[in-house]
């Protein structure tokens, strides 16, 4: 998603990713099929062997600027899953 607007946001415009942070390397992997978005608290997560990843990017996080969007959110909404976390990467991905 290049730009974000709370008025135009819809969950169908998103896709599932598997994110891992190993030291200063952020790995973002996209599965072949999306993970159910409305899973309940007692729904077991998919096993690592059952998920087939079709795309992967690795970023060096040493020069990344992290911000929350949109700017100026009130404190109780800062970490709401509706609002994205923006990672501004200063260098090209490693792969």
PDB file of N, CA and C in Angstrom:
ATOM      1  N   UNK A   1       0.850  -1.157   0.000  1.00  0.00           N
ATOM      2  CA  UNK A   1       0.000   0.000   0.000  1.00  0.00           C
ATOM      3  C   UNK A   1       0.905   1.232   0.000  1.00  0.00           C
ATOM      4  N   UNK A   2       0.830   2.052  -1.014  1.00  0.00           N
ATOM      5  CA  UNK A   2       1.701   3.212  -1.126  1.00  0.00           C
ATOM      6  C   UNK A   2       1.208   4.356  -0.258  1.00  0.00           C
ATOM      7  N   UNK A   3      -0.070   4.670  -0.331  1.00  0.00           N
ATOM      8  CA  UNK A   3      -0.635   5.721   0.504  1.00  0.00           C
ATOM      9  C   UNK A   3      -1.719   5.118   1.387  1.00  0.00           C
ATOM     10  N   UNK A   4      -2.028   5.800   2.495  1.00  0.00           N
ATOM     11  CA  UNK A   4      -3.010   5.281   3.436  1.00  0.00           C
ATOM     12  C   UNK A   4      -3.969   6.381   3.826  1.00  0.00           C
ATOM     13  N   UNK A   5      -5.247   6.047   3.833  1.00  0.00           N
ATOM     14  CA  UNK A   5      -6.282   6.955   4.294  1.00  0.00           C
ATOM     15  C   UNK A   5      -7.293   6.141   5.088  1.00  0.00           C
ATOM     16  N   UNK A   6      -7.578   6.507   6.358  1.00  0.00           N
ATOM     17  CA  UNK A   6      -8.544   5.738   7.148  1.00  0.00           C
ATOM     18  C   UNK A   6      -9.930   5.692   6.503  1.00  0.00           C
ATOM     19  N   UNK A   7     -10.276   6.722   5.742  1.00  0.00           N
ATOM     20  CA  UNK A   7     -11.593   6.760   5.105  1.00  0.00           C
ATOM     21  C   UNK A   7     -11.710   5.741   3.972  1.00  0.00           C
ATOM     22  N   UNK A   8     -10.598   5.447   3.296  1.00  0.00           N
ATOM     23  CA  UNK A   8     -10.617   4.533   2.154  1.00  0.00           C
ATOM     24  C   UNK A   8     -10.114   3.135   2.479  1.00  0.00           C
ATOM     25  N   UNK A   9      -9.736   2.894   3.737  1.00  0.00           N
ATOM     26  CA  UNK A   9      -9.190   1.592   4.122  1.00  0.00           C
ATOM     27  C   UNK A   9     -10.267   0.519   4.079  1.00  0.00           C
ATOM     28  N   UNK A  10      -9.925  -0.635   3.548  1.00  0.00           N
ATOM     29  CA  UNK A  10     -10.785  -1.818   3.620  1.00  0.00           C
ATOM     30  C   UNK A  10      -9.891  -3.033   3.757  1.00  0.00           C
ATOM     31  N   UNK A  11     -10.300  -3.974   4.591  1.00  0.00           N
ATOM     32  CA  UNK A  11      -9.473  -5.150   4.868  1.00  0.00           C
ATOM     33  C   UNK A  11      -9.193  -5.966   3.604  1.00  0.00           C
ATOM     34  N   UNK A  12     -10.067  -5.907   2.620  1.00  0.00           N
ATOM     35  CA  UNK A  12      -9.844  -6.657   1.378  1.00  0.00           C
ATOM     36  C   UNK A  12      -8.701  -6.089   0.536  1.00  0.00           C
ATOM     37  N   UNK A  13      -8.250  -4.881   0.856  1.00  0.00           N
ATOM     38  CA  UNK A  13      -7.126  -4.313   0.101  1.00  0.00           C
ATOM     39  C   UNK A  13      -5.779  -4.673   0.738  1.00  0.00           C
ATOM     40  N   UNK A  14      -5.799  -5.553   1.729  1.00  0.00           N
ATOM     41  CA  UNK A  14      -4.565  -5.996   2.381  1.00  0.00           C
ATOM     42  C   UNK A  14      -4.273  -7.447   2.019  1.00  0.00           C
ATOM     43  N   UNK A  15      -3.059  -7.901   2.307  1.00  0.00           N
ATOM     44  CA  UNK A  15      -2.732  -9.306   2.115  1.00  0.00           C
ATOM     45  C   UNK A  15      -1.856  -9.781   3.272  1.00  0.00           C
ATOM     46  N   UNK A  16      -1.890 -11.068   3.517  1.00  0.00           N
ATOM     47  CA  UNK A  16      -1.155 -11.664   4.630  1.00  0.00           C
ATOM     48  C   UNK A  16       0.339 -11.686   4.341  1.00  0.00           C
ATOM     49  N   UNK A  17       1.121 -11.425   5.381  1.00  0.00           N
ATOM     50  CA  UNK A  17       2.568 -11.574   5.305  1.00  0.00           C
ATOM     51  C   UNK A  17       3.061 -12.204   6.598  1.00  0.00           C
ATOM     52  N   UNK A  18       4.178 -12.898   6.507  1.00  0.00           N
ATOM     53  CA  UNK A  18       4.837 -13.489   7.661  1.00  0.00           C
ATOM     54  C   UNK A  18       6.110 -12.691   7.868  1.00  0.00           C
ATOM     55  N   UNK A  19       6.231 -12.048   9.032  1.00  0.00           N
ATOM     56  CA  UNK A  19       7.349 -11.147   9.291  1.00  0.00           C
ATOM     57  C   UNK A  19       8.210 -11.707  10.412  1.00  0.00           C
ATOM     58  N   UNK A  20       9.517 -11.769  10.184  1.00  0.00           N
ATOM     59  CA  UNK A  20      10.455 -12.168  11.233  1.00  0.00           C
ATOM     60  C   UNK A  20      11.579 -11.141  11.301  1.00  0.00           C
ATOM     61  N   UNK A  21      12.048 -10.907  12.516  1.00  0.00           N
ATOM     62  CA  UNK A  21      13.165 -10.003  12.739  1.00  0.00           C
ATOM     63  C   UNK A  21      14.294 -10.812  13.352  1.00  0.00           C
ATOM     64  N   UNK A  22      15.384 -10.937  12.624  1.00  0.00           N
ATOM     65  CA  UNK A  22      16.554 -11.696  13.070  1.00  0.00           C
ATOM     66  C   UNK A  22      17.726 -10.731  13.149  1.00  0.00           C
ATOM     67  N   UNK A  23      18.059 -10.297  14.362  1.00  0.00           N
ATOM     68  CA  UNK A  23      19.102  -9.286  14.515  1.00  0.00           C
ATOM     69  C   UNK A  23      18.634  -7.987  13.893  1.00  0.00           C
ATOM     70  N   UNK A  24      19.352  -7.509  12.880  1.00  0.00           N
ATOM     71  CA  UNK A  24      18.953  -6.280  12.191  1.00  0.00           C
ATOM     72  C   UNK A  24      18.295  -6.562  10.849  1.00  0.00           C
ATOM     73  N   UNK A  25      18.006  -7.826  10.554  1.00  0.00           N
ATOM     74  CA  UNK A  25      17.386  -8.181   9.275  1.00  0.00           C
ATOM     75  C   UNK A  25      15.892  -8.448   9.449  1.00  0.00           C
ATOM     76  N   UNK A  26      15.091  -7.733   8.681  1.00  0.00           N
ATOM     77  CA  UNK A  26      13.647  -7.928   8.657  1.00  0.00           C
ATOM     78  C   UNK A  26      13.315  -8.754   7.425  1.00  0.00           C
ATOM     79  N   UNK A  27      12.664  -9.900   7.622  1.00  0.00           N
ATOM     80  CA  UNK A  27      12.280 -10.781   6.516  1.00  0.00           C
ATOM     81  C   UNK A  27      10.754 -10.727   6.386  1.00  0.00           C
ATOM     82  N   UNK A  28      10.277 -10.394   5.192  1.00  0.00           N
ATOM     83  CA  UNK A  28       8.842 -10.347   4.904  1.00  0.00           C
ATOM     84  C   UNK A  28       8.560 -11.393   3.835  1.00  0.00           C
ATOM     85  N   UNK A  29       7.704 -12.367   4.171  1.00  0.00           N
ATOM     86  CA  UNK A  29       7.356 -13.440   3.242  1.00  0.00           C
ATOM     87  C   UNK A  29       5.850 -13.404   2.993  1.00  0.00           C
ATOM     88  N   UNK A  30       5.477 -13.574   1.735  1.00  0.00           N
ATOM     89  CA  UNK A  30       4.059 -13.586   1.371  1.00  0.00           C
ATOM     90  C   UNK A  30       3.641 -15.011   1.040  1.00  0.00           C
ATOM     91  N   UNK A  31       2.584 -15.517   1.714  1.00  0.00           N
ATOM     92  CA  UNK A  31       2.130 -16.879   1.431  1.00  0.00           C
ATOM     93  C   UNK A  31       1.328 -16.945   0.137  1.00  0.00           C
ATOM     94  N   UNK A  32       1.229 -18.155  -0.406  1.00  0.00           N
ATOM     95  CA  UNK A  32       0.453 -18.370  -1.631  1.00  0.00           C
ATOM     96  C   UNK A  32      -1.021 -18.040  -1.397  1.00  0.00           C
ATOM     97  N   UNK A  33      -1.553 -18.452  -0.233  1.00  0.00           N
ATOM     98  CA  UNK A  33      -2.942 -18.154   0.127  1.00  0.00           C
ATOM     99  C   UNK A  33      -2.959 -17.295   1.381  1.00  0.00           C
ATOM    100  N   UNK A  34      -3.881 -16.340   1.448  1.00  0.00           N
ATOM    101  CA  UNK A  34      -3.999 -15.494   2.628  1.00  0.00           C
ATOM    102  C   UNK A  34      -4.428 -16.298   3.848  1.00  0.00           C
ATOM    103  N   UNK A  35      -3.948 -15.878   5.003  1.00  0.00           N
ATOM    104  CA  UNK A  35      -4.376 -16.450   6.275  1.00  0.00           C
ATOM    105  C   UNK A  35      -5.729 -15.817   6.606  1.00  0.00           C
ATOM    106  N   UNK A  36      -6.683 -16.581   7.180  1.00  0.00           N
ATOM    107  CA  UNK A  36      -7.983 -15.982   7.518  1.00  0.00           C
ATOM    108  C   UNK A  36      -7.807 -14.744   8.400  1.00  0.00           C
ATOM    109  N   UNK A  37      -8.454 -13.651   8.034  1.00  0.00           N
ATOM    110  CA  UNK A  37      -8.280 -12.385   8.744  1.00  0.00           C
ATOM    111  C   UNK A  37      -9.099 -12.311  10.023  1.00  0.00           C
ATOM    112  N   UNK A  38     -10.158 -13.030  10.099  1.00  0.00           N
ATOM    113  CA  UNK A  38     -11.044 -12.957  11.260  1.00  0.00           C
ATOM    114  C   UNK A  38     -10.922 -14.196  12.135  1.00  0.00           C
ATOM    115  N   UNK A  39      -9.717 -14.674  12.328  1.00  0.00           N
ATOM    116  CA  UNK A  39      -9.501 -15.853  13.167  1.00  0.00           C
ATOM    117  C   UNK A  39      -9.841 -15.509  14.617  1.00  0.00           C
ATOM    118  N   UNK A  40     -10.360 -16.475  15.347  1.00  0.00           N
ATOM    119  CA  UNK A  40     -10.716 -16.294  16.750  1.00  0.00           C
ATOM    120  C   UNK A  40      -9.501 -16.578  17.624  1.00  0.00           C
ATOM    121  N   UNK A  41      -9.600 -16.228  18.894  1.00  0.00           N
ATOM    122  CA  UNK A  41      -8.479 -16.402  19.819  1.00  0.00           C
ATOM    123  C   UNK A  41      -8.078 -17.857  19.983  1.00  0.00           C
ATOM    124  N   UNK A  42      -9.014 -18.783  19.810  1.00  0.00           N
ATOM    125  CA  UNK A  42      -8.704 -20.197  20.009  1.00  0.00           C
ATOM    126  C   UNK A  42      -8.395 -20.923  18.697  1.00  0.00           C
ATOM    127  N   UNK A  43      -8.298 -20.194  17.598  1.00  0.00           N
ATOM    128  CA  UNK A  43      -7.940 -20.789  16.312  1.00  0.00           C
ATOM    129  C   UNK A  43      -6.427 -20.987  16.278  1.00  0.00           C
ATOM    130  N   UNK A  44      -5.965 -22.223  16.088  1.00  0.00           N
ATOM    131  CA  UNK A  44      -4.510 -22.425  16.067  1.00  0.00           C
ATOM    132  C   UNK A  44      -3.891 -21.786  14.819  1.00  0.00           C
ATOM    133  N   UNK A  45      -2.710 -21.200  14.966  1.00  0.00           N
ATOM    134  CA  UNK A  45      -2.059 -20.611  13.786  1.00  0.00           C
ATOM    135  C   UNK A  45      -1.635 -21.711  12.821  1.00  0.00           C
ATOM    136  N   UNK A  46      -1.536 -21.390  11.535  1.00  0.00           N
ATOM    137  CA  UNK A  46      -1.095 -22.408  10.573  1.00  0.00           C
ATOM    138  C   UNK A  46       0.342 -22.827  10.882  1.00  0.00           C
ATOM    139  N   UNK A  47       0.634 -24.089  10.665  1.00  0.00           N
ATOM    140  CA  UNK A  47       1.998 -24.567  10.916  1.00  0.00           C
ATOM    141  C   UNK A  47       2.931 -24.060   9.819  1.00  0.00           C
ATOM    142  N   UNK A  48       4.190 -23.923  10.162  1.00  0.00           N
ATOM    143  CA  UNK A  48       5.178 -23.412   9.203  1.00  0.00           C
ATOM    144  C   UNK A  48       5.319 -24.326   7.996  1.00  0.00           C
ATOM    145  N   UNK A  49       5.071 -25.623   8.179  1.00  0.00           N
ATOM    146  CA  UNK A  49       5.211 -26.559   7.060  1.00  0.00           C
ATOM    147  C   UNK A  49       4.004 -26.528   6.127  1.00  0.00           C
ATOM    148  N   UNK A  50       2.860 -26.037   6.612  1.00  0.00           N
ATOM    149  CA  UNK A  50       1.661 -26.027   5.771  1.00  0.00           C
ATOM    150  C   UNK A  50       1.552 -24.764   4.919  1.00  0.00           C
ATOM    151  N   UNK A  51       2.358 -23.753   5.207  1.00  0.00           N
ATOM    152  CA  UNK A  51       2.301 -22.495   4.463  1.00  0.00           C
ATOM    153  C   UNK A  51       3.370 -22.511   3.374  1.00  0.00           C
ATOM    154  N   UNK A  52       2.946 -22.218   2.147  1.00  0.00           N
ATOM    155  CA  UNK A  52       3.873 -22.156   1.011  1.00  0.00           C
ATOM    156  C   UNK A  52       4.079 -20.683   0.660  1.00  0.00           C
ATOM    157  N   UNK A  53       5.311 -20.193   0.806  1.00  0.00           N
ATOM    158  CA  UNK A  53       5.614 -18.793   0.521  1.00  0.00           C
ATOM    159  C   UNK A  53       6.014 -18.626  -0.941  1.00  0.00           C
ATOM    160  N   UNK A  54       5.485 -17.570  -1.568  1.00  0.00           N
ATOM    161  CA  UNK A  54       5.748 -17.331  -2.986  1.00  0.00           C
ATOM    162  C   UNK A  54       6.658 -16.127  -3.224  1.00  0.00           C
ATOM    163  N   UNK A  55       6.852 -15.301  -2.201  1.00  0.00           N
ATOM    164  CA  UNK A  55       7.683 -14.111  -2.372  1.00  0.00           C
ATOM    165  C   UNK A  55       8.346 -13.773  -1.046  1.00  0.00           C
ATOM    166  N   UNK A  56       9.570 -13.271  -1.117  1.00  0.00           N
ATOM    167  CA  UNK A  56      10.305 -12.930   0.096  1.00  0.00           C
ATOM    168  C   UNK A  56      11.171 -11.712  -0.158  1.00  0.00           C
ATOM    169  N   UNK A  57      11.231 -10.819   0.844  1.00  0.00           N
ATOM    170  CA  UNK A  57      12.137  -9.669   0.795  1.00  0.00           C
ATOM    171  C   UNK A  57      12.836  -9.568   2.140  1.00  0.00           C
ATOM    172  N   UNK A  58      14.103  -9.204   2.117  1.00  0.00           N
ATOM    173  CA  UNK A  58      14.885  -9.048   3.336  1.00  0.00           C
ATOM    174  C   UNK A  58      15.446  -7.629   3.350  1.00  0.00           C
ATOM    175  N   UNK A  59      15.254  -6.938   4.489  1.00  0.00           N
ATOM    176  CA  UNK A  59      15.715  -5.562   4.625  1.00  0.00           C
ATOM    177  C   UNK A  59      16.674  -5.442   5.804  1.00  0.00           C
ATOM    178  N   UNK A  60      17.672  -4.572   5.662  1.00  0.00           N
ATOM    179  CA  UNK A  60      18.570  -4.240   6.762  1.00  0.00           C
ATOM    180  C   UNK A  60      17.904  -3.114   7.556  1.00  0.00           C
ATOM    181  N   UNK A  61      17.626  -3.361   8.833  1.00  0.00           N
ATOM    182  CA  UNK A  61      16.863  -2.418   9.653  1.00  0.00           C
ATOM    183  C   UNK A  61      17.732  -1.378  10.364  1.00  0.00           C
ATOM    184  N   UNK A  62      19.026  -1.343  10.085  1.00  0.00           N
ATOM    185  CA  UNK A  62      19.890  -0.406  10.803  1.00  0.00           C
ATOM    186  C   UNK A  62      19.601   1.049  10.450  1.00  0.00           C
ATOM    187  N   UNK A  63      19.068   1.324   9.271  1.00  0.00           N
ATOM    188  CA  UNK A  63      18.778   2.704   8.855  1.00  0.00           C
ATOM    189  C   UNK A  63      17.311   2.880   8.495  1.00  0.00           C
ATOM    190  N   UNK A  64      16.401   2.305   9.265  1.00  0.00           N
ATOM    191  CA  UNK A  64      14.971   2.385   8.984  1.00  0.00           C
ATOM    192  C   UNK A  64      14.310   3.383   9.932  1.00  0.00           C
ATOM    193  N   UNK A  65      13.416   4.193   9.393  1.00  0.00           N
ATOM    194  CA  UNK A  65      12.629   5.126  10.193  1.00  0.00           C
ATOM    195  C   UNK A  65      11.245   4.508  10.375  1.00  0.00           C
ATOM    196  N   UNK A  66      10.820   4.343  11.636  1.00  0.00           N
ATOM    197  CA  UNK A  66       9.531   3.728  11.957  1.00  0.00           C
ATOM    198  C   UNK A  66       8.568   4.817  12.409  1.00  0.00           C
ATOM    199  N   UNK A  67       7.401   4.904  11.741  1.00  0.00           N
ATOM    200  CA  UNK A  67       6.357   5.853  12.133  1.00  0.00           C
ATOM    201  C   UNK A  67       5.009   5.157  12.072  1.00  0.00           C
ATOM    202  N   UNK A  68       4.038   5.723  12.758  1.00  0.00           N
ATOM    203  CA  UNK A  68       2.676   5.209  12.727  1.00  0.00           C
ATOM    204  C   UNK A  68       1.834   6.132  11.864  1.00  0.00           C
ATOM    205  N   UNK A  69       0.935   5.547  11.094  1.00  0.00           N
ATOM    206  CA  UNK A  69       0.058   6.335  10.225  1.00  0.00           C
ATOM    207  C   UNK A  69      -1.380   6.172  10.676  1.00  0.00           C
ATOM    208  N   UNK A  70      -2.223   7.121  10.477  1.00  0.00           N
ATOM    209  CA  UNK A  70      -1.937   8.485  10.045  1.00  0.00           C
ATOM    210  C   UNK A  70      -1.286   9.291  11.167  1.00  0.00           C
ATOM    211  N   UNK A  71      -0.641  10.379  10.809  1.00  0.00           N
ATOM    212  CA  UNK A  71       0.007  11.242  11.796  1.00  0.00           C
ATOM    213  C   UNK A  71      -1.050  11.837  12.727  1.00  0.00           C
ATOM    214  N   UNK A  72      -0.716  12.031  13.992  1.00  0.00           N
ATOM    215  CA  UNK A  72      -1.610  12.704  14.929  1.00  0.00           C
ATOM    216  C   UNK A  72      -2.698  11.845  15.535  1.00  0.00           C
ATOM    217  N   UNK A  73      -2.546  10.514  15.536  1.00  0.00           N
ATOM    218  CA  UNK A  73      -3.545   9.649  16.169  1.00  0.00           C
ATOM    219  C   UNK A  73      -3.565   9.885  17.671  1.00  0.00           C
ATOM    220  N   UNK A  74      -4.754   9.766  18.279  1.00  0.00           N
ATOM    221  CA  UNK A  74      -4.814   9.871  19.734  1.00  0.00           C
ATOM    222  C   UNK A  74      -4.211   8.613  20.346  1.00  0.00           C
ATOM    223  N   UNK A  75      -3.746   8.720  21.587  1.00  0.00           N
ATOM    224  CA  UNK A  75      -2.949   7.656  22.204  1.00  0.00           C
ATOM    225  C   UNK A  75      -3.659   6.312  22.266  1.00  0.00           C
ATOM    226  N   UNK A  76      -4.966   6.288  22.520  1.00  0.00           N
ATOM    227  CA  UNK A  76      -5.652   4.998  22.654  1.00  0.00           C
ATOM    228  C   UNK A  76      -5.746   4.238  21.330  1.00  0.00           C
ATOM    229  N   UNK A  77      -5.533   4.913  20.207  1.00  0.00           N
ATOM    230  CA  UNK A  77      -5.605   4.249  18.901  1.00  0.00           C
ATOM    231  C   UNK A  77      -4.240   3.985  18.276  1.00  0.00           C
ATOM    232  N   UNK A  78      -3.163   4.331  18.969  1.00  0.00           N
ATOM    233  CA  UNK A  78      -1.827   4.228  18.382  1.00  0.00           C
ATOM    234  C   UNK A  78      -1.505   2.846  17.840  1.00  0.00           C
ATOM    235  N   UNK A  79      -1.822   1.769  18.559  1.00  0.00           N
ATOM    236  CA  UNK A  79      -1.440   0.426  18.131  1.00  0.00           C
ATOM    237  C   UNK A  79      -2.633  -0.383  17.644  1.00  0.00           C
ATOM    238  N   UNK A  80      -3.691   0.275  17.192  1.00  0.00           N
ATOM    239  CA  UNK A  80      -4.844  -0.420  16.628  1.00  0.00           C
ATOM    240  C   UNK A  80      -4.426  -1.124  15.341  1.00  0.00           C
ATOM    241  N   UNK A  81      -4.932  -2.355  15.138  1.00  0.00           N
ATOM    242  CA  UNK A  81      -4.544  -3.093  13.932  1.00  0.00           C
ATOM    243  C   UNK A  81      -5.084  -2.463  12.655  1.00  0.00           C
ATOM    244  N   UNK A  82      -6.015  -1.509  12.789  1.00  0.00           N
ATOM    245  CA  UNK A  82      -6.549  -0.839  11.604  1.00  0.00           C
ATOM    246  C   UNK A  82      -5.518   0.107  10.984  1.00  0.00           C
ATOM    247  N   UNK A  83      -4.618   0.624  11.803  1.00  0.00           N
ATOM    248  CA  UNK A  83      -3.671   1.622  11.331  1.00  0.00           C
ATOM    249  C   UNK A  83      -2.312   0.990  11.050  1.00  0.00           C
ATOM    250  N   UNK A  84      -1.683   1.327   9.938  1.00  0.00           N
ATOM    251  CA  UNK A  84      -0.416   0.683   9.560  1.00  0.00           C
ATOM    252  C   UNK A  84       0.791   1.247  10.302  1.00  0.00           C
ATOM    253  N   UNK A  85       1.811   0.420  10.386  1.00  0.00           N
ATOM    254  CA  UNK A  85       3.127   0.842  10.844  1.00  0.00           C
ATOM    255  C   UNK A  85       3.945   1.085   9.578  1.00  0.00           C
ATOM    256  N   UNK A  86       4.513   2.259   9.462  1.00  0.00           N
ATOM    257  CA  UNK A  86       5.271   2.613   8.255  1.00  0.00           C
ATOM    258  C   UNK A  86       6.761   2.423   8.522  1.00  0.00           C
ATOM    259  N   UNK A  87       7.410   1.644   7.679  1.00  0.00           N
ATOM    260  CA  UNK A  87       8.854   1.430   7.745  1.00  0.00           C
ATOM    261  C   UNK A  87       9.472   2.100   6.527  1.00  0.00           C
ATOM    262  N   UNK A  88      10.201   3.167   6.742  1.00  0.00           N
ATOM    263  CA  UNK A  88      10.838   3.886   5.641  1.00  0.00           C
ATOM    264  C   UNK A  88      12.271   3.384   5.505  1.00  0.00           C
ATOM    265  N   UNK A  89      12.500   2.555   4.504  1.00  0.00           N
ATOM    266  CA  UNK A  89      13.798   1.912   4.298  1.00  0.00           C
ATOM    267  C   UNK A  89      14.716   2.876   3.557  1.00  0.00           C
ATOM    268  N   UNK A  90      15.892   3.117   4.124  1.00  0.00           N
ATOM    269  CA  UNK A  90      16.851   4.050   3.538  1.00  0.00           C
ATOM    270  C   UNK A  90      17.719   3.406   2.464  1.00  0.00           C
ATOM    271  N   UNK A  91      17.803   2.067   2.472  1.00  0.00           N
ATOM    272  CA  UNK A  91      18.629   1.372   1.481  1.00  0.00           C
ATOM    273  C   UNK A  91      17.787   0.347   0.741  1.00  0.00           C
ATOM    274  N   UNK A  92      18.329  -0.206  -0.324  1.00  0.00           N
ATOM    275  CA  UNK A  92      17.620  -1.202  -1.132  1.00  0.00           C
ATOM    276  C   UNK A  92      17.517  -2.522  -0.374  1.00  0.00           C
ATOM    277  N   UNK A  93      16.502  -3.361  -0.691  1.00  0.00           N
ATOM    278  CA  UNK A  93      16.394  -4.669  -0.049  1.00  0.00           C
ATOM    279  C   UNK A  93      17.593  -5.549  -0.388  1.00  0.00           C
ATOM    280  N   UNK A  94      17.894  -6.482   0.542  1.00  0.00           N
ATOM    281  CA  UNK A  94      19.040  -7.369   0.344  1.00  0.00           C
ATOM    282  C   UNK A  94      18.746  -8.468  -0.658  1.00  0.00           C
ATOM    283  N   UNK A  95      17.454  -8.844  -0.814  1.00  0.00           N
ATOM    284  CA  UNK A  95      17.091  -9.852  -1.817  1.00  0.00           C
ATOM    285  C   UNK A  95      15.654  -9.684  -2.212  1.00  0.00           C
TER     286      UNK A  95
END
